Amino acid sequence: MIIVIILPPILWQHFKYFRVIRHRGIMENQILSKQYSFVFGVLIGQSGQKLSSTGISARLIAAVWCLSAVVFASAYIGVLMSFLRFPKLSPVIDQLEELPENHFKWIVQRGTALESLFVKATTGVYKTIGDGLLESPESFVDARVEGIHRVAAGGYVYIEEKTLLESDIYEDYVRSGVCRLSIAKKEFFKVNFAFPLPIASPLKPFLNQKILQMVEAGLVNYWKNLYWPKWDSKCINEMKQKSGPQSLRLAHLQGAFLILALGCALAFLAFLIEHFYFLYHH
């Protein structure tokens, strides 16, 4: 933008004082608008732009500008295409190990098993997370909704059970109408539930068989949908779809059509002005 603004006056002054040529009775290179037309025309790829061939300095400036315009246009198109094909919409954190190296602060709900897991840890990433929690009293929240609000405001990561987070994401989507939260891909601290029985208990084969039958019959999923907090996979699926390569659609190129429409409108306005000017003077 700076070059487009300052280069035409430089060429204009050059031709005005040093290299003036006459064409059809007018000093066409002394017209400032012609210099803007040349510089801007080269930038947007309009061929047929003419410049005086008198003098090596003007030709050198024009050649450098033509080469620069090609580089600018190619770089812009490359960045635009890469942004459209690979939008940066993936979660900023994919696993717990990345959290200490990130600029986010982490929070957990007070009085939960996760608090004990991190605070009582003695080694590894769990201890690092726990030390960060102990250093900041505001890292503990009393309710999940408080943690979700902090994450939505920015700068925080909320650590909670995945099932509850899925429900919170759905509720936030219902309230805001926008998918603005996401869940890290890699899970940690997986918990298994079991029934403790005495050694060689006769109930073990019976329970194993009945539990397997319930799972195969779909009762576990039925009870989960019936009693667990409601959630919708729309935001999670949308994040998965947008994290990979995307096909270009007409909506991605609407800016080009807007500029085209604006250019056509300006061209038509210029045509009307020239037409009425010609009628008035002739």
C-alpha atoms as a PDB file:
ATOM      1  CA  MET A   1       0.000   0.000   0.000  1.00  0.00           C
ATOM      2  CA  ILE A   2       2.851   2.369   0.804  1.00  0.00           C
ATOM      3  CA  ILE A   3       4.535   1.657  -2.531  1.00  0.00           C
ATOM      4  CA  VAL A   4       1.287   2.169  -4.456  1.00  0.00           C
ATOM      5  CA  ILE A   5       0.930   5.562  -2.764  1.00  0.00           C
ATOM      6  CA  ILE A   6       4.476   6.928  -3.060  1.00  0.00           C
ATOM      7  CA  LEU A   7       5.729   5.362  -6.313  1.00  0.00           C
ATOM      8  CA  PRO A   8       3.409   7.258  -8.736  1.00  0.00           C
ATOM      9  CA  PRO A   9       4.467  10.709  -7.451  1.00  0.00           C
ATOM     10  CA  ILE A  10       8.112   9.645  -7.806  1.00  0.00           C
ATOM     11  CA  LEU A  11       7.578   8.636 -11.434  1.00  0.00           C
ATOM     12  CA  TRP A  12       5.510  11.751 -12.033  1.00  0.00           C
ATOM     13  CA  GLN A  13       8.231  14.041 -10.729  1.00  0.00           C
ATOM     14  CA  HIS A  14      10.829  12.106 -12.696  1.00  0.00           C
ATOM     15  CA  PHE A  15       9.034  12.585 -16.001  1.00  0.00           C
ATOM     16  CA  LYS A  16       8.083  16.137 -15.141  1.00  0.00           C
ATOM     17  CA  TYR A  17      11.599  17.363 -14.614  1.00  0.00           C
ATOM     18  CA  PHE A  18      13.828  14.893 -16.453  1.00  0.00           C
ATOM     19  CA  ARG A  19      12.098  12.674 -19.010  1.00  0.00           C
ATOM     20  CA  VAL A  20       9.150  14.381 -20.692  1.00  0.00           C
ATOM     21  CA  ILE A  21       7.839  12.912 -23.960  1.00  0.00           C
ATOM     22  CA  ARG A  22       5.140  14.291 -26.177  1.00  0.00           C
ATOM     23  CA  HIS A  23       2.331  12.168 -27.568  1.00  0.00           C
ATOM     24  CA  ARG A  24      -0.615  13.532 -29.541  1.00  0.00           C
ATOM     25  CA  GLY A  25       0.114  17.050 -28.447  1.00  0.00           C
ATOM     26  CA  ILE A  26       0.030  16.340 -24.646  1.00  0.00           C
ATOM     27  CA  MET A  27       2.692  15.479 -22.143  1.00  0.00           C
ATOM     28  CA  GLU A  28       1.048  12.238 -21.107  1.00  0.00           C
ATOM     29  CA  ASN A  29       3.732  11.173 -18.644  1.00  0.00           C
ATOM     30  CA  GLN A  30       3.322  14.441 -16.755  1.00  0.00           C
ATOM     31  CA  ILE A  31      -0.184  13.325 -15.712  1.00  0.00           C
ATOM     32  CA  LEU A  32      -0.135  11.946 -12.152  1.00  0.00           C
ATOM     33  CA  SER A  33      -3.221   9.806 -12.701  1.00  0.00           C
ATOM     34  CA  LYS A  34      -1.392   7.944 -15.480  1.00  0.00           C
ATOM     35  CA  GLN A  35       1.338   6.955 -13.066  1.00  0.00           C
ATOM     36  CA  TYR A  36      -1.226   5.666 -10.566  1.00  0.00           C
ATOM     37  CA  SER A  37      -2.883   3.743 -13.391  1.00  0.00           C
ATOM     38  CA  PHE A  38       0.427   2.108 -14.296  1.00  0.00           C
ATOM     39  CA  VAL A  39       1.424   1.182 -10.726  1.00  0.00           C
ATOM     40  CA  PHE A  40      -1.995  -0.118  -9.719  1.00  0.00           C
ATOM     41  CA  GLY A  41      -2.515  -1.882 -13.052  1.00  0.00           C
ATOM     42  CA  VAL A  42       0.709  -3.845 -12.654  1.00  0.00           C
ATOM     43  CA  LEU A  43      -0.285  -4.818  -9.108  1.00  0.00           C
ATOM     44  CA  ILE A  44      -3.666  -6.274 -10.099  1.00  0.00           C
ATOM     45  CA  GLY A  45      -2.238  -8.019 -13.147  1.00  0.00           C
ATOM     46  CA  GLN A  46      -3.705  -5.830 -15.891  1.00  0.00           C
ATOM     47  CA  SER A  47      -1.541  -6.227 -18.988  1.00  0.00           C
ATOM     48  CA  GLY A  48      -0.888  -3.481 -21.520  1.00  0.00           C
ATOM     49  CA  GLN A  49       0.402  -0.930 -19.026  1.00  0.00           C
ATOM     50  CA  LYS A  50       2.759   1.466 -20.806  1.00  0.00           C
ATOM     51  CA  LEU A  51       5.622   3.543 -19.506  1.00  0.00           C
ATOM     52  CA  SER A  52       8.085   5.737 -21.279  1.00  0.00           C
ATOM     53  CA  SER A  53      11.168   3.914 -22.487  1.00  0.00           C
ATOM     54  CA  THR A  54      13.239   7.080 -22.184  1.00  0.00           C
ATOM     55  CA  GLY A  55      15.922   6.859 -19.550  1.00  0.00           C
ATOM     56  CA  ILE A  56      17.355   3.884 -17.716  1.00  0.00           C
ATOM     57  CA  SER A  57      16.268   5.049 -14.259  1.00  0.00           C
ATOM     58  CA  ALA A  58      12.524   5.004 -15.017  1.00  0.00           C
ATOM     59  CA  ARG A  59      12.758   1.629 -16.721  1.00  0.00           C
ATOM     60  CA  LEU A  60      14.699   0.226 -13.754  1.00  0.00           C
ATOM     61  CA  ILE A  61      12.066   1.462 -11.281  1.00  0.00           C
ATOM     62  CA  ALA A  62       9.279   0.020 -13.437  1.00  0.00           C
ATOM     63  CA  ALA A  63      11.065  -3.330 -13.791  1.00  0.00           C
ATOM     64  CA  VAL A  64      11.615  -3.612 -10.028  1.00  0.00           C
ATOM     65  CA  TRP A  65       7.976  -2.765  -9.380  1.00  0.00           C
ATOM     66  CA  CYS A  66       6.743  -5.333 -11.938  1.00  0.00           C
ATOM     67  CA  LEU A  67       8.860  -8.059 -10.332  1.00  0.00           C
ATOM     68  CA  SER A  68       7.767  -7.033  -6.824  1.00  0.00           C
ATOM     69  CA  ALA A  69       4.101  -7.059  -7.836  1.00  0.00           C
ATOM     70  CA  VAL A  70       4.436 -10.616  -9.139  1.00  0.00           C
ATOM     71  CA  VAL A  71       6.056 -11.715  -5.855  1.00  0.00           C
ATOM     72  CA  PHE A  72       3.419  -9.923  -3.763  1.00  0.00           C
ATOM     73  CA  ALA A  73       0.546 -11.417  -5.731  1.00  0.00           C
ATOM     74  CA  SER A  74       1.990 -14.943  -5.657  1.00  0.00           C
ATOM     75  CA  ALA A  75       2.677 -14.758  -1.918  1.00  0.00           C
ATOM     76  CA  TYR A  76      -0.799 -13.425  -1.198  1.00  0.00           C
ATOM     77  CA  ILE A  77      -2.490 -16.134  -3.260  1.00  0.00           C
ATOM     78  CA  GLY A  78      -0.341 -18.831  -1.618  1.00  0.00           C
ATOM     79  CA  VAL A  79      -1.134 -17.641   1.913  1.00  0.00           C
ATOM     80  CA  LEU A  80      -4.826 -17.285   1.085  1.00  0.00           C
ATOM     81  CA  MET A  81      -5.065 -20.767  -0.409  1.00  0.00           C
ATOM     82  CA  SER A  82      -3.193 -22.356   2.509  1.00  0.00           C
ATOM     83  CA  PHE A  83      -5.436 -20.576   5.006  1.00  0.00           C
ATOM     84  CA  LEU A  84      -8.580 -21.767   3.231  1.00  0.00           C
ATOM     85  CA  ARG A  85      -7.336 -25.312   2.789  1.00  0.00           C
ATOM     86  CA  PHE A  86      -5.844 -25.672   6.269  1.00  0.00           C
ATOM     87  CA  PRO A  87      -7.675 -23.311   8.638  1.00  0.00           C
ATOM     88  CA  LYS A  88      -6.144 -23.010  12.078  1.00  0.00           C
ATOM     89  CA  LEU A  89      -9.157 -24.261  13.995  1.00  0.00           C
ATOM     90  CA  SER A  90      -7.656 -27.243  15.768  1.00  0.00           C
ATOM     91  CA  PRO A  91      -7.470 -27.245  19.586  1.00  0.00           C
ATOM     92  CA  VAL A  92      -4.502 -25.296  20.923  1.00  0.00           C
ATOM     93  CA  ILE A  93      -3.715 -28.147  23.363  1.00  0.00           C
ATOM     94  CA  ASP A  94      -3.926 -31.813  22.387  1.00  0.00           C
ATOM     95  CA  GLN A  95      -2.623 -33.453  25.556  1.00  0.00           C
ATOM     96  CA  LEU A  96      -1.917 -32.724  29.212  1.00  0.00           C
ATOM     97  CA  GLU A  97       1.860 -32.695  28.690  1.00  0.00           C
ATOM     98  CA  GLU A  98       1.528 -29.588  26.483  1.00  0.00           C
ATOM     99  CA  LEU A  99      -0.233 -27.554  29.157  1.00  0.00           C
ATOM    100  CA  PRO A 100       2.811 -26.402  31.215  1.00  0.00           C
ATOM    101  CA  GLU A 101       4.549 -25.222  28.035  1.00  0.00           C
ATOM    102  CA  ASN A 102       1.521 -23.162  26.972  1.00  0.00           C
ATOM    103  CA  HIS A 103       0.569 -19.640  27.998  1.00  0.00           C
ATOM    104  CA  PHE A 104      -2.783 -20.759  29.426  1.00  0.00           C
ATOM    105  CA  LYS A 105      -3.571 -21.077  33.115  1.00  0.00           C
ATOM    106  CA  TRP A 106      -5.259 -24.259  34.294  1.00  0.00           C
ATOM    107  CA  ILE A 107      -8.102 -24.644  36.752  1.00  0.00           C
ATOM    108  CA  VAL A 108      -9.876 -27.574  38.430  1.00  0.00           C
ATOM    109  CA  GLN A 109     -12.933 -27.920  40.626  1.00  0.00           C
ATOM    110  CA  ARG A 110     -12.247 -27.887  44.341  1.00  0.00           C
ATOM    111  CA  GLY A 111     -12.850 -31.091  46.286  1.00  0.00           C
ATOM    112  CA  THR A 112     -12.722 -33.483  43.310  1.00  0.00           C
ATOM    113  CA  ALA A 113     -10.528 -36.484  42.579  1.00  0.00           C
ATOM    114  CA  LEU A 114      -8.604 -34.425  40.024  1.00  0.00           C
ATOM    115  CA  GLU A 115      -7.559 -31.970  42.716  1.00  0.00           C
ATOM    116  CA  SER A 116      -6.136 -34.806  44.798  1.00  0.00           C
ATOM    117  CA  LEU A 117      -4.476 -36.340  41.735  1.00  0.00           C
ATOM    118  CA  PHE A 118      -2.511 -33.186  40.948  1.00  0.00           C
ATOM    119  CA  VAL A 119      -1.896 -31.729  44.397  1.00  0.00           C
ATOM    120  CA  LYS A 120      -0.637 -34.998  45.910  1.00  0.00           C
ATOM    121  CA  ALA A 121       1.513 -35.988  42.914  1.00  0.00           C
ATOM    122  CA  THR A 122       5.263 -36.206  43.548  1.00  0.00           C
ATOM    123  CA  THR A 123       6.686 -36.629  40.015  1.00  0.00           C
ATOM    124  CA  GLY A 124       5.939 -36.026  36.356  1.00  0.00           C
ATOM    125  CA  VAL A 125       3.490 -33.738  34.667  1.00  0.00           C
ATOM    126  CA  TYR A 126       0.899 -34.313  37.393  1.00  0.00           C
ATOM    127  CA  LYS A 127       3.230 -32.670  39.927  1.00  0.00           C
ATOM    128  CA  THR A 128       3.862 -29.762  37.535  1.00  0.00           C
ATOM    129  CA  ILE A 129       0.132 -29.187  37.186  1.00  0.00           C
ATOM    130  CA  GLY A 130      -0.315 -29.488  40.959  1.00  0.00           C
ATOM    131  CA  ASP A 131       2.429 -26.962  41.693  1.00  0.00           C
ATOM    132  CA  GLY A 132       0.756 -24.518  39.329  1.00  0.00           C
ATOM    133  CA  LEU A 133      -2.547 -25.003  41.131  1.00  0.00           C
ATOM    134  CA  LEU A 134      -1.005 -24.402  44.546  1.00  0.00           C
ATOM    135  CA  GLU A 135       0.777 -21.249  43.390  1.00  0.00           C
ATOM    136  CA  SER A 136      -2.493 -19.638  42.245  1.00  0.00           C
ATOM    137  CA  PRO A 137      -5.473 -19.748  44.616  1.00  0.00           C
ATOM    138  CA  GLU A 138      -7.751 -18.657  41.769  1.00  0.00           C
ATOM    139  CA  SER A 139      -6.961 -21.943  40.012  1.00  0.00           C
ATOM    140  CA  PHE A 140      -9.701 -23.654  42.027  1.00  0.00           C
ATOM    141  CA  VAL A 141     -13.394 -23.168  41.291  1.00  0.00           C
ATOM    142  CA  ASP A 142     -16.394 -24.245  43.323  1.00  0.00           C
ATOM    143  CA  ALA A 143     -18.666 -25.054  40.369  1.00  0.00           C
ATOM    144  CA  ARG A 144     -18.187 -26.279  36.813  1.00  0.00           C
ATOM    145  CA  VAL A 145     -20.088 -23.356  35.357  1.00  0.00           C
ATOM    146  CA  GLU A 146     -17.483 -20.993  36.816  1.00  0.00           C
ATOM    147  CA  GLY A 147     -14.702 -22.920  35.091  1.00  0.00           C
ATOM    148  CA  ILE A 148     -16.566 -22.894  31.766  1.00  0.00           C
ATOM    149  CA  HIS A 149     -17.069 -19.133  31.997  1.00  0.00           C
ATOM    150  CA  ARG A 150     -13.355 -18.594  32.583  1.00  0.00           C
ATOM    151  CA  VAL A 151     -12.459 -20.738  29.570  1.00  0.00           C
ATOM    152  CA  ALA A 152     -14.951 -18.859  27.383  1.00  0.00           C
ATOM    153  CA  ALA A 153     -13.472 -15.536  28.527  1.00  0.00           C
ATOM    154  CA  GLY A 154     -10.019 -16.684  27.391  1.00  0.00           C
ATOM    155  CA  GLY A 155      -6.684 -17.496  28.985  1.00  0.00           C
ATOM    156  CA  TYR A 156      -7.777 -20.575  30.951  1.00  0.00           C
ATOM    157  CA  VAL A 157      -7.976 -24.348  30.484  1.00  0.00           C
ATOM    158  CA  TYR A 158     -10.487 -26.277  32.579  1.00  0.00           C
ATOM    159  CA  ILE A 159      -9.605 -29.858  33.596  1.00  0.00           C
ATOM    160  CA  GLU A 160     -12.654 -32.023  34.238  1.00  0.00           C
ATOM    161  CA  GLU A 161     -14.212 -35.391  33.473  1.00  0.00           C
ATOM    162  CA  LYS A 162     -14.801 -35.776  29.734  1.00  0.00           C
ATOM    163  CA  THR A 163     -18.477 -36.696  30.051  1.00  0.00           C
ATOM    164  CA  LEU A 164     -19.191 -33.559  32.050  1.00  0.00           C
ATOM    165  CA  LEU A 165     -17.200 -31.412  29.608  1.00  0.00           C
ATOM    166  CA  GLU A 166     -19.230 -32.726  26.680  1.00  0.00           C
ATOM    167  CA  SER A 167     -22.390 -31.688  28.501  1.00  0.00           C
ATOM    168  CA  ASP A 168     -20.916 -28.268  29.333  1.00  0.00           C
ATOM    169  CA  ILE A 169     -19.919 -27.690  25.709  1.00  0.00           C
ATOM    170  CA  TYR A 170     -23.438 -28.515  24.578  1.00  0.00           C
ATOM    171  CA  GLU A 171     -25.006 -26.187  27.141  1.00  0.00           C
ATOM    172  CA  ASP A 172     -22.632 -23.388  26.147  1.00  0.00           C
ATOM    173  CA  TYR A 173     -23.536 -23.948  22.497  1.00  0.00           C
ATOM    174  CA  VAL A 174     -27.263 -23.757  23.337  1.00  0.00           C
ATOM    175  CA  ARG A 175     -26.736 -20.475  25.203  1.00  0.00           C
ATOM    176  CA  SER A 176     -24.383 -18.759  22.755  1.00  0.00           C
ATOM    177  CA  GLY A 177     -25.347 -20.409  19.462  1.00  0.00           C
ATOM    178  CA  VAL A 178     -21.636 -20.736  18.571  1.00  0.00           C
ATOM    179  CA  CYS A 179     -19.153 -23.601  19.009  1.00  0.00           C
ATOM    180  CA  ARG A 180     -16.498 -21.725  20.977  1.00  0.00           C
ATOM    181  CA  LEU A 181     -15.160 -24.535  23.198  1.00  0.00           C
ATOM    182  CA  SER A 182     -13.264 -27.719  22.390  1.00  0.00           C
ATOM    183  CA  ILE A 183     -11.806 -30.759  24.163  1.00  0.00           C
ATOM    184  CA  ALA A 184      -8.206 -31.938  23.938  1.00  0.00           C
ATOM    185  CA  LYS A 185      -7.825 -35.101  21.884  1.00  0.00           C
ATOM    186  CA  LYS A 186      -5.675 -37.213  24.206  1.00  0.00           C
ATOM    187  CA  GLU A 187      -7.286 -38.440  27.411  1.00  0.00           C
ATOM    188  CA  PHE A 188      -5.555 -39.125  30.733  1.00  0.00           C
ATOM    189  CA  PHE A 189      -6.366 -40.625  34.129  1.00  0.00           C
ATOM    190  CA  LYS A 190      -8.803 -43.188  32.743  1.00  0.00           C
ATOM    191  CA  VAL A 191     -10.903 -44.722  35.508  1.00  0.00           C
ATOM    192  CA  ASN A 192     -12.427 -48.213  35.417  1.00  0.00           C
ATOM    193  CA  PHE A 193     -15.349 -49.256  37.593  1.00  0.00           C
ATOM    194  CA  ALA A 194     -15.750 -52.799  38.936  1.00  0.00           C
ATOM    195  CA  PHE A 195     -17.590 -54.901  41.497  1.00  0.00           C
ATOM    196  CA  PRO A 196     -15.319 -56.241  44.277  1.00  0.00           C
ATOM    197  CA  LEU A 197     -16.040 -59.914  45.020  1.00  0.00           C
ATOM    198  CA  PRO A 198     -14.432 -62.528  47.271  1.00  0.00           C
ATOM    199  CA  ILE A 199     -11.923 -64.879  45.709  1.00  0.00           C
ATOM    200  CA  ALA A 200     -13.606 -67.791  43.872  1.00  0.00           C
ATOM    201  CA  SER A 201     -17.011 -66.180  44.354  1.00  0.00           C
ATOM    202  CA  PRO A 202     -19.803 -68.049  42.492  1.00  0.00           C
ATOM    203  CA  LEU A 203     -21.322 -64.676  41.530  1.00  0.00           C
ATOM    204  CA  LYS A 204     -18.378 -63.699  39.289  1.00  0.00           C
ATOM    205  CA  PRO A 205     -19.347 -65.800  36.215  1.00  0.00           C
ATOM    206  CA  PHE A 206     -22.976 -64.763  36.638  1.00  0.00           C
ATOM    207  CA  LEU A 207     -22.147 -61.046  36.828  1.00  0.00           C
ATOM    208  CA  ASN A 208     -19.728 -61.266  33.897  1.00  0.00           C
ATOM    209  CA  GLN A 209     -22.385 -62.919  31.754  1.00  0.00           C
ATOM    210  CA  LYS A 210     -25.139 -60.464  32.676  1.00  0.00           C
ATOM    211  CA  ILE A 211     -22.942 -57.402  32.241  1.00  0.00           C
ATOM    212  CA  LEU A 212     -21.879 -58.659  28.801  1.00  0.00           C
ATOM    213  CA  GLN A 213     -25.513 -59.247  27.858  1.00  0.00           C
ATOM    214  CA  MET A 214     -26.470 -55.713  28.949  1.00  0.00           C
ATOM    215  CA  VAL A 215     -23.673 -54.218  26.861  1.00  0.00           C
ATOM    216  CA  GLU A 216     -24.560 -56.293  23.786  1.00  0.00           C
ATOM    217  CA  ALA A 217     -28.242 -55.406  24.144  1.00  0.00           C
ATOM    218  CA  GLY A 218     -27.427 -51.695  24.208  1.00  0.00           C
ATOM    219  CA  LEU A 219     -28.784 -51.108  27.706  1.00  0.00           C
ATOM    220  CA  VAL A 220     -25.650 -49.241  28.808  1.00  0.00           C
ATOM    221  CA  ASN A 221     -26.002 -46.685  26.023  1.00  0.00           C
ATOM    222  CA  TYR A 222     -29.753 -46.475  26.659  1.00  0.00           C
ATOM    223  CA  TRP A 223     -29.251 -45.729  30.343  1.00  0.00           C
ATOM    224  CA  LYS A 224     -26.480 -43.293  29.479  1.00  0.00           C
ATOM    225  CA  ASN A 225     -28.747 -41.330  27.128  1.00  0.00           C
ATOM    226  CA  LEU A 226     -31.556 -41.480  29.673  1.00  0.00           C
ATOM    227  CA  TYR A 227     -29.778 -40.417  32.849  1.00  0.00           C
ATOM    228  CA  TRP A 228     -26.508 -38.738  31.874  1.00  0.00           C
ATOM    229  CA  PRO A 229     -26.328 -34.987  31.187  1.00  0.00           C
ATOM    230  CA  LYS A 230     -27.493 -34.088  27.695  1.00  0.00           C
ATOM    231  CA  TRP A 231     -24.877 -33.338  25.099  1.00  0.00           C
ATOM    232  CA  ASP A 232     -24.591 -32.989  21.335  1.00  0.00           C
ATOM    233  CA  SER A 233     -21.633 -33.960  19.144  1.00  0.00           C
ATOM    234  CA  LYS A 234     -22.179 -31.027  16.760  1.00  0.00           C
ATOM    235  CA  CYS A 235     -19.329 -28.892  18.100  1.00  0.00           C
ATOM    236  CA  ILE A 236     -16.966 -31.861  18.480  1.00  0.00           C
ATOM    237  CA  ASN A 237     -17.703 -33.131  14.958  1.00  0.00           C
ATOM    238  CA  GLU A 238     -17.399 -29.627  13.570  1.00  0.00           C
ATOM    239  CA  MET A 239     -13.946 -29.280  15.124  1.00  0.00           C
ATOM    240  CA  LYS A 240     -12.863 -32.622  13.660  1.00  0.00           C
ATOM    241  CA  GLN A 241     -14.120 -31.638  10.206  1.00  0.00           C
ATOM    242  CA  LYS A 242     -12.397 -28.252  10.246  1.00  0.00           C
ATOM    243  CA  SER A 243      -9.060 -29.532  11.512  1.00  0.00           C
ATOM    244  CA  GLY A 244      -8.156 -31.182   8.161  1.00  0.00           C
ATOM    245  CA  PRO A 245      -8.002 -30.031   4.546  1.00  0.00           C
ATOM    246  CA  GLN A 246     -11.150 -28.291   3.348  1.00  0.00           C
ATOM    247  CA  SER A 247     -12.530 -28.028  -0.166  1.00  0.00           C
ATOM    248  CA  LEU A 248     -12.953 -24.526  -1.543  1.00  0.00           C
ATOM    249  CA  ARG A 249     -16.546 -23.385  -1.820  1.00  0.00           C
ATOM    250  CA  LEU A 250     -18.234 -20.362  -3.314  1.00  0.00           C
ATOM    251  CA  ALA A 251     -18.592 -18.802   0.146  1.00  0.00           C
ATOM    252  CA  HIS A 252     -14.791 -18.775   0.524  1.00  0.00           C
ATOM    253  CA  LEU A 253     -14.470 -16.607  -2.591  1.00  0.00           C
ATOM    254  CA  GLN A 254     -17.282 -14.160  -1.878  1.00  0.00           C
ATOM    255  CA  GLY A 255     -14.756 -11.380  -1.253  1.00  0.00           C
ATOM    256  CA  ALA A 256     -13.522 -11.606  -4.859  1.00  0.00           C
ATOM    257  CA  PHE A 257     -17.075 -11.336  -6.183  1.00  0.00           C
ATOM    258  CA  LEU A 258     -17.715  -8.360  -3.900  1.00  0.00           C
ATOM    259  CA  ILE A 259     -14.670  -6.571  -5.293  1.00  0.00           C
ATOM    260  CA  LEU A 260     -15.786  -7.486  -8.822  1.00  0.00           C
ATOM    261  CA  ALA A 261     -19.234  -6.016  -8.201  1.00  0.00           C
ATOM    262  CA  LEU A 262     -17.702  -2.862  -6.745  1.00  0.00           C
ATOM    263  CA  GLY A 263     -15.385  -2.512  -9.728  1.00  0.00           C
ATOM    264  CA  CYS A 264     -18.280  -2.953 -12.175  1.00  0.00           C
ATOM    265  CA  ALA A 265     -20.282  -0.322 -10.295  1.00  0.00           C
ATOM    266  CA  LEU A 266     -17.389   2.156 -10.388  1.00  0.00           C
ATOM    267  CA  ALA A 267     -16.777   1.419 -14.076  1.00  0.00           C
ATOM    268  CA  PHE A 268     -20.455   2.007 -14.882  1.00  0.00           C
ATOM    269  CA  LEU A 269     -20.381   5.254 -12.899  1.00  0.00           C
ATOM    270  CA  ALA A 270     -17.319   6.403 -14.831  1.00  0.00           C
ATOM    271  CA  PHE A 271     -19.058   5.487 -18.080  1.00  0.00           C
ATOM    272  CA  LEU A 272     -22.105   7.599 -17.187  1.00  0.00           C
ATOM    273  CA  ILE A 273     -19.915  10.551 -16.222  1.00  0.00           C
ATOM    274  CA  GLU A 274     -17.985  10.367 -19.512  1.00  0.00           C
ATOM    275  CA  HIS A 275     -21.187   9.890 -21.518  1.00  0.00           C
ATOM    276  CA  PHE A 276     -22.953  12.938 -20.064  1.00  0.00           C
ATOM    277  CA  TYR A 277     -19.751  14.964 -20.207  1.00  0.00           C
ATOM    278  CA  PHE A 278     -19.459  14.161 -23.923  1.00  0.00           C
ATOM    279  CA  LEU A 279     -23.113  15.072 -24.562  1.00  0.00           C
ATOM    280  CA  TYR A 280     -22.778  18.329 -22.640  1.00  0.00           C
ATOM    281  CA  HIS A 281     -19.662  19.494 -24.499  1.00  0.00           C
ATOM    282  CA  HIS A 282     -20.706  18.300 -27.950  1.00  0.00           C
END
